[in-house]
Amino acid sequence: MSNLNRQHEVLLTPAEVASLFRVDPKTVTRWAKAGKLTAIRTLGGHRRYRQSEVQNLLKSNLDKNV
């Protein structure tokens, strides 16, 4: 992915990711610590997640359940 695309990547909060997976936001944080998702830290220290990476994980989970 080029730097230009990364700069315009949509970032999601832990709460937004949690709502997609129907889990608690703390679970999303645990996934990041376990390496399932890459957390990006804001200047204020908050975690954000790339929408494209979240969508790929969501799709892979759906494929496993089908």
PDB file of N, CA and C in Angstrom:
ATOM      1  N   MET A   1       0.849  -1.173   0.000  1.00  0.00           N
ATOM      2  CA  MET A   1       0.000   0.000   0.000  1.00  0.00           C
ATOM      3  C   MET A   1       0.892   1.233   0.000  1.00  0.00           C
ATOM      4  N   SER A   2       0.625   2.185  -0.846  1.00  0.00           N
ATOM      5  CA  SER A   2       1.449   3.383  -0.925  1.00  0.00           C
ATOM      6  C   SER A   2       1.167   4.302   0.257  1.00  0.00           C
ATOM      7  N   ASN A   3       2.101   5.214   0.496  1.00  0.00           N
ATOM      8  CA  ASN A   3       1.931   6.167   1.593  1.00  0.00           C
ATOM      9  C   ASN A   3       0.705   7.039   1.383  1.00  0.00           C
ATOM     10  N   LEU A   4       0.417   7.388   0.124  1.00  0.00           N
ATOM     11  CA  LEU A   4      -0.750   8.217  -0.169  1.00  0.00           C
ATOM     12  C   LEU A   4      -2.039   7.505   0.246  1.00  0.00           C
ATOM     13  N   ASN A   5      -2.144   6.204  -0.064  1.00  0.00           N
ATOM     14  CA  ASN A   5      -3.334   5.441   0.329  1.00  0.00           C
ATOM     15  C   ASN A   5      -3.438   5.322   1.842  1.00  0.00           C
ATOM     16  N   ARG A   6      -2.314   5.142   2.511  1.00  0.00           N
ATOM     17  CA  ARG A   6      -2.343   5.015   3.974  1.00  0.00           C
ATOM     18  C   ARG A   6      -2.823   6.294   4.631  1.00  0.00           C
ATOM     19  N   GLN A   7      -2.462   7.438   4.042  1.00  0.00           N
ATOM     20  CA  GLN A   7      -2.867   8.705   4.615  1.00  0.00           C
ATOM     21  C   GLN A   7      -4.373   8.905   4.515  1.00  0.00           C
ATOM     22  N   HIS A   8      -5.006   8.299   3.526  1.00  0.00           N
ATOM     23  CA  HIS A   8      -6.444   8.482   3.314  1.00  0.00           C
ATOM     24  C   HIS A   8      -7.250   7.255   3.742  1.00  0.00           C
ATOM     25  N   GLU A   9      -6.597   6.324   4.408  1.00  0.00           N
ATOM     26  CA  GLU A   9      -7.270   5.115   4.894  1.00  0.00           C
ATOM     27  C   GLU A   9      -8.279   5.503   5.971  1.00  0.00           C
ATOM     28  N   VAL A  10      -9.449   4.906   5.916  1.00  0.00           N
ATOM     29  CA  VAL A  10     -10.473   5.141   6.934  1.00  0.00           C
ATOM     30  C   VAL A  10     -10.073   4.367   8.185  1.00  0.00           C
ATOM     31  N   LEU A  11     -10.075   5.060   9.318  1.00  0.00           N
ATOM     32  CA  LEU A  11      -9.729   4.434  10.590  1.00  0.00           C
ATOM     33  C   LEU A  11     -10.978   4.314  11.454  1.00  0.00           C
ATOM     34  N   LEU A  12     -11.075   3.187  12.145  1.00  0.00           N
ATOM     35  CA  LEU A  12     -12.229   2.917  12.999  1.00  0.00           C
ATOM     36  C   LEU A  12     -11.814   2.904  14.465  1.00  0.00           C
ATOM     37  N   THR A  13     -12.718   3.318  15.314  1.00  0.00           N
ATOM     38  CA  THR A  13     -12.477   3.259  16.753  1.00  0.00           C
ATOM     39  C   THR A  13     -12.710   1.831  17.242  1.00  0.00           C
ATOM     40  N   PRO A  14     -12.213   1.500  18.429  1.00  0.00           N
ATOM     41  CA  PRO A  14     -12.502   0.175  18.979  1.00  0.00           C
ATOM     42  C   PRO A  14     -14.004  -0.103  19.099  1.00  0.00           C
ATOM     43  N   ALA A  15     -14.778   0.915  19.433  1.00  0.00           N
ATOM     44  CA  ALA A  15     -16.235   0.731  19.557  1.00  0.00           C
ATOM     45  C   ALA A  15     -16.871   0.407  18.207  1.00  0.00           C
ATOM     46  N   GLU A  16     -16.392   1.050  17.145  1.00  0.00           N
ATOM     47  CA  GLU A  16     -16.933   0.782  15.806  1.00  0.00           C
ATOM     48  C   GLU A  16     -16.595  -0.637  15.356  1.00  0.00           C
ATOM     49  N   VAL A  17     -15.356  -1.053  15.614  1.00  0.00           N
ATOM     50  CA  VAL A  17     -14.951  -2.422  15.266  1.00  0.00           C
ATOM     51  C   VAL A  17     -15.761  -3.422  16.083  1.00  0.00           C
ATOM     52  N   ALA A  18     -15.922  -3.143  17.361  1.00  0.00           N
ATOM     53  CA  ALA A  18     -16.669  -4.037  18.238  1.00  0.00           C
ATOM     54  C   ALA A  18     -18.112  -4.202  17.772  1.00  0.00           C
ATOM     55  N   SER A  19     -18.713  -3.133  17.309  1.00  0.00           N
ATOM     56  CA  SER A  19     -20.102  -3.242  16.857  1.00  0.00           C
ATOM     57  C   SER A  19     -20.209  -4.100  15.598  1.00  0.00           C
ATOM     58  N   LEU A  20     -19.202  -4.057  14.728  1.00  0.00           N
ATOM     59  CA  LEU A  20     -19.219  -4.903  13.528  1.00  0.00           C
ATOM     60  C   LEU A  20     -19.158  -6.387  13.870  1.00  0.00           C
ATOM     61  N   PHE A  21     -18.365  -6.711  14.896  1.00  0.00           N
ATOM     62  CA  PHE A  21     -18.195  -8.105  15.297  1.00  0.00           C
ATOM     63  C   PHE A  21     -19.147  -8.530  16.417  1.00  0.00           C
ATOM     64  N   ARG A  22     -19.883  -7.544  16.937  1.00  0.00           N
ATOM     65  CA  ARG A  22     -20.797  -7.790  18.062  1.00  0.00           C
ATOM     66  C   ARG A  22     -20.062  -8.345  19.279  1.00  0.00           C
ATOM     67  N   VAL A  23     -18.970  -7.649  19.625  1.00  0.00           N
ATOM     68  CA  VAL A  23     -18.183  -7.993  20.811  1.00  0.00           C
ATOM     69  C   VAL A  23     -17.951  -6.711  21.608  1.00  0.00           C
ATOM     70  N   ASP A  24     -17.375  -6.851  22.779  1.00  0.00           N
ATOM     71  CA  ASP A  24     -17.027  -5.721  23.621  1.00  0.00           C
ATOM     72  C   ASP A  24     -15.774  -5.033  23.069  1.00  0.00           C
ATOM     73  N   PRO A  25     -15.664  -3.713  23.188  1.00  0.00           N
ATOM     74  CA  PRO A  25     -14.458  -3.023  22.710  1.00  0.00           C
ATOM     75  C   PRO A  25     -13.160  -3.547  23.333  1.00  0.00           C
ATOM     76  N   LYS A  26     -13.217  -4.035  24.545  1.00  0.00           N
ATOM     77  CA  LYS A  26     -12.013  -4.609  25.184  1.00  0.00           C
ATOM     78  C   LYS A  26     -11.545  -5.848  24.430  1.00  0.00           C
ATOM     79  N   THR A  27     -12.463  -6.568  23.821  1.00  0.00           N
ATOM     80  CA  THR A  27     -12.102  -7.739  23.015  1.00  0.00           C
ATOM     81  C   THR A  27     -11.285  -7.306  21.806  1.00  0.00           C
ATOM     82  N   VAL A  28     -11.647  -6.200  21.202  1.00  0.00           N
ATOM     83  CA  VAL A  28     -10.907  -5.672  20.054  1.00  0.00           C
ATOM     84  C   VAL A  28      -9.480  -5.331  20.479  1.00  0.00           C
ATOM     85  N   THR A  29      -9.327  -4.742  21.641  1.00  0.00           N
ATOM     86  CA  THR A  29      -7.996  -4.428  22.171  1.00  0.00           C
ATOM     87  C   THR A  29      -7.193  -5.705  22.387  1.00  0.00           C
ATOM     88  N   ARG A  30      -7.832  -6.737  22.895  1.00  0.00           N
ATOM     89  CA  ARG A  30      -7.134  -8.022  23.094  1.00  0.00           C
ATOM     90  C   ARG A  30      -6.713  -8.620  21.755  1.00  0.00           C
ATOM     91  N   TRP A  31      -7.561  -8.494  20.732  1.00  0.00           N
ATOM     92  CA  TRP A  31      -7.201  -8.987  19.398  1.00  0.00           C
ATOM     93  C   TRP A  31      -5.960  -8.266  18.879  1.00  0.00           C
ATOM     94  N   ALA A  32      -5.884  -6.962  19.128  1.00  0.00           N
ATOM     95  CA  ALA A  32      -4.720  -6.190  18.678  1.00  0.00           C
ATOM     96  C   ALA A  32      -3.462  -6.651  19.409  1.00  0.00           C
ATOM     97  N   LYS A  33      -3.579  -6.884  20.708  1.00  0.00           N
ATOM     98  CA  LYS A  33      -2.421  -7.366  21.479  1.00  0.00           C
ATOM     99  C   LYS A  33      -2.003  -8.757  21.029  1.00  0.00           C
ATOM    100  N   ALA A  34      -2.965  -9.573  20.568  1.00  0.00           N
ATOM    101  CA  ALA A  34      -2.675 -10.932  20.110  1.00  0.00           C
ATOM    102  C   ALA A  34      -2.186 -10.962  18.658  1.00  0.00           C
ATOM    103  N   GLY A  35      -2.254  -9.819  17.964  1.00  0.00           N
ATOM    104  CA  GLY A  35      -1.769  -9.750  16.594  1.00  0.00           C
ATOM    105  C   GLY A  35      -2.813 -10.005  15.514  1.00  0.00           C
ATOM    106  N   LYS A  36      -4.081 -10.132  15.904  1.00  0.00           N
ATOM    107  CA  LYS A  36      -5.143 -10.330  14.905  1.00  0.00           C
ATOM    108  C   LYS A  36      -5.420  -9.061  14.116  1.00  0.00           C
ATOM    109  N   LEU A  37      -5.246  -7.924  14.752  1.00  0.00           N
ATOM    110  CA  LEU A  37      -5.457  -6.612  14.134  1.00  0.00           C
ATOM    111  C   LEU A  37      -4.265  -5.718  14.455  1.00  0.00           C
ATOM    112  N   THR A  38      -3.998  -4.773  13.567  1.00  0.00           N
ATOM    113  CA  THR A  38      -2.930  -3.810  13.805  1.00  0.00           C
ATOM    114  C   THR A  38      -3.547  -2.535  14.356  1.00  0.00           C
ATOM    115  N   ALA A  39      -3.121  -2.148  15.535  1.00  0.00           N
ATOM    116  CA  ALA A  39      -3.619  -0.920  16.143  1.00  0.00           C
ATOM    117  C   ALA A  39      -2.704   0.233  15.763  1.00  0.00           C
ATOM    118  N   ILE A  40      -3.308   1.329  15.393  1.00  0.00           N
ATOM    119  CA  ILE A  40      -2.588   2.561  15.121  1.00  0.00           C
ATOM    120  C   ILE A  40      -2.893   3.496  16.278  1.00  0.00           C
ATOM    121  N   ARG A  41      -1.866   4.104  16.826  1.00  0.00           N
ATOM    122  CA  ARG A  41      -2.080   5.020  17.947  1.00  0.00           C
ATOM    123  C   ARG A  41      -2.181   6.452  17.446  1.00  0.00           C
ATOM    124  N   THR A  42      -3.182   7.152  17.946  1.00  0.00           N
ATOM    125  CA  THR A  42      -3.326   8.568  17.632  1.00  0.00           C
ATOM    126  C   THR A  42      -2.331   9.351  18.483  1.00  0.00           C
ATOM    127  N   LEU A  43      -2.216  10.634  18.222  1.00  0.00           N
ATOM    128  CA  LEU A  43      -1.326  11.466  19.031  1.00  0.00           C
ATOM    129  C   LEU A  43      -1.757  11.477  20.496  1.00  0.00           C
ATOM    130  N   GLY A  44      -3.040  11.303  20.721  1.00  0.00           N
ATOM    131  CA  GLY A  44      -3.560  11.265  22.089  1.00  0.00           C
ATOM    132  C   GLY A  44      -3.449   9.902  22.749  1.00  0.00           C
ATOM    133  N   GLY A  45      -2.931   8.899  22.015  1.00  0.00           N
ATOM    134  CA  GLY A  45      -2.734   7.574  22.583  1.00  0.00           C
ATOM    135  C   GLY A  45      -3.904   6.622  22.382  1.00  0.00           C
ATOM    136  N   HIS A  46      -4.914   7.039  21.647  1.00  0.00           N
ATOM    137  CA  HIS A  46      -6.071   6.184  21.399  1.00  0.00           C
ATOM    138  C   HIS A  46      -5.785   5.222  20.255  1.00  0.00           C
ATOM    139  N   ARG A  47      -6.398   4.051  20.320  1.00  0.00           N
ATOM    140  CA  ARG A  47      -6.215   3.061  19.263  1.00  0.00           C
ATOM    141  C   ARG A  47      -7.214   3.285  18.134  1.00  0.00           C
ATOM    142  N   ARG A  48      -6.729   3.080  16.900  1.00  0.00           N
ATOM    143  CA  ARG A  48      -7.580   3.106  15.722  1.00  0.00           C
ATOM    144  C   ARG A  48      -7.191   1.925  14.848  1.00  0.00           C
ATOM    145  N   TYR A  49      -8.135   1.446  14.066  1.00  0.00           N
ATOM    146  CA  TYR A  49      -7.923   0.257  13.240  1.00  0.00           C
ATOM    147  C   TYR A  49      -8.279   0.568  11.801  1.00  0.00           C
ATOM    148  N   ARG A  50      -7.466   0.074  10.860  1.00  0.00           N
ATOM    149  CA  ARG A  50      -7.721   0.305   9.434  1.00  0.00           C
ATOM    150  C   ARG A  50      -8.993  -0.429   9.018  1.00  0.00           C
ATOM    151  N   GLN A  51      -9.881   0.288   8.354  1.00  0.00           N
ATOM    152  CA  GLN A  51     -11.147  -0.302   7.915  1.00  0.00           C
ATOM    153  C   GLN A  51     -10.903  -1.485   6.989  1.00  0.00           C
ATOM    154  N   SER A  52      -9.945  -1.377   6.092  1.00  0.00           N
ATOM    155  CA  SER A  52      -9.675  -2.468   5.145  1.00  0.00           C
ATOM    156  C   SER A  52      -9.241  -3.742   5.879  1.00  0.00           C
ATOM    157  N   GLU A  53      -8.424  -3.591   6.907  1.00  0.00           N
ATOM    158  CA  GLU A  53      -7.967  -4.752   7.679  1.00  0.00           C
ATOM    159  C   GLU A  53      -9.126  -5.369   8.466  1.00  0.00           C
ATOM    160  N   VAL A  54      -9.970  -4.521   9.025  1.00  0.00           N
ATOM    161  CA  VAL A  54     -11.141  -4.997   9.773  1.00  0.00           C
ATOM    162  C   VAL A  54     -12.089  -5.743   8.839  1.00  0.00           C
ATOM    163  N   GLN A  55     -12.326  -5.188   7.645  1.00  0.00           N
ATOM    164  CA  GLN A  55     -13.211  -5.841   6.680  1.00  0.00           C
ATOM    165  C   GLN A  55     -12.663  -7.203   6.261  1.00  0.00           C
ATOM    166  N   ASN A  56     -11.333  -7.293   6.065  1.00  0.00           N
ATOM    167  CA  ASN A  56     -10.722  -8.585   5.714  1.00  0.00           C
ATOM    168  C   ASN A  56     -10.903  -9.603   6.826  1.00  0.00           C
ATOM    169  N   LEU A  57     -10.731  -9.176   8.077  1.00  0.00           N
ATOM    170  CA  LEU A  57     -10.916 -10.083   9.206  1.00  0.00           C
ATOM    171  C   LEU A  57     -12.379 -10.513   9.320  1.00  0.00           C
ATOM    172  N   LEU A  58     -13.279  -9.574   9.118  1.00  0.00           N
ATOM    173  CA  LEU A  58     -14.705  -9.887   9.165  1.00  0.00           C
ATOM    174  C   LEU A  58     -15.069 -10.895   8.081  1.00  0.00           C
ATOM    175  N   LYS A  59     -14.560 -10.690   6.880  1.00  0.00           N
ATOM    176  CA  LYS A  59     -14.824 -11.603   5.768  1.00  0.00           C
ATOM    177  C   LYS A  59     -14.253 -12.990   6.044  1.00  0.00           C
ATOM    178  N   SER A  60     -13.044 -13.051   6.583  1.00  0.00           N
ATOM    179  CA  SER A  60     -12.440 -14.355   6.877  1.00  0.00           C
ATOM    180  C   SER A  60     -13.228 -15.085   7.960  1.00  0.00           C
ATOM    181  N   ASN A  61     -13.767 -14.352   8.930  1.00  0.00           N
ATOM    182  CA  ASN A  61     -14.595 -14.980   9.962  1.00  0.00           C
ATOM    183  C   ASN A  61     -15.908 -15.480   9.382  1.00  0.00           C
ATOM    184  N   LEU A  62     -16.484 -14.733   8.449  1.00  0.00           N
ATOM    185  CA  LEU A  62     -17.727 -15.172   7.815  1.00  0.00           C
ATOM    186  C   LEU A  62     -17.489 -16.421   6.977  1.00  0.00           C
ATOM    187  N   ASP A  63     -16.352 -16.466   6.256  1.00  0.00           N
ATOM    188  CA  ASP A  63     -16.021 -17.626   5.435  1.00  0.00           C
ATOM    189  C   ASP A  63     -15.850 -18.884   6.289  1.00  0.00           C
ATOM    190  N   LYS A  64     -15.299 -18.730   7.483  1.00  0.00           N
ATOM    191  CA  LYS A  64     -15.104 -19.877   8.385  1.00  0.00           C
ATOM    192  C   LYS A  64     -16.438 -20.416   8.905  1.00  0.00           C
ATOM    193  N   ASN A  65     -17.410 -19.514   9.067  1.00  0.00           N
ATOM    194  CA  ASN A  65     -18.699 -19.914   9.627  1.00  0.00           C
ATOM    195  C   ASN A  65     -19.675 -20.446   8.581  1.00  0.00           C
ATOM    196  N   VAL A  66     -19.356 -20.290   7.318  1.00  0.00           N
ATOM    197  CA  VAL A  66     -20.286 -20.724   6.265  1.00  0.00           C
ATOM    198  C   VAL A  66     -20.034 -22.165   5.897  1.00  0.00           C
TER     199      VAL A  66
END
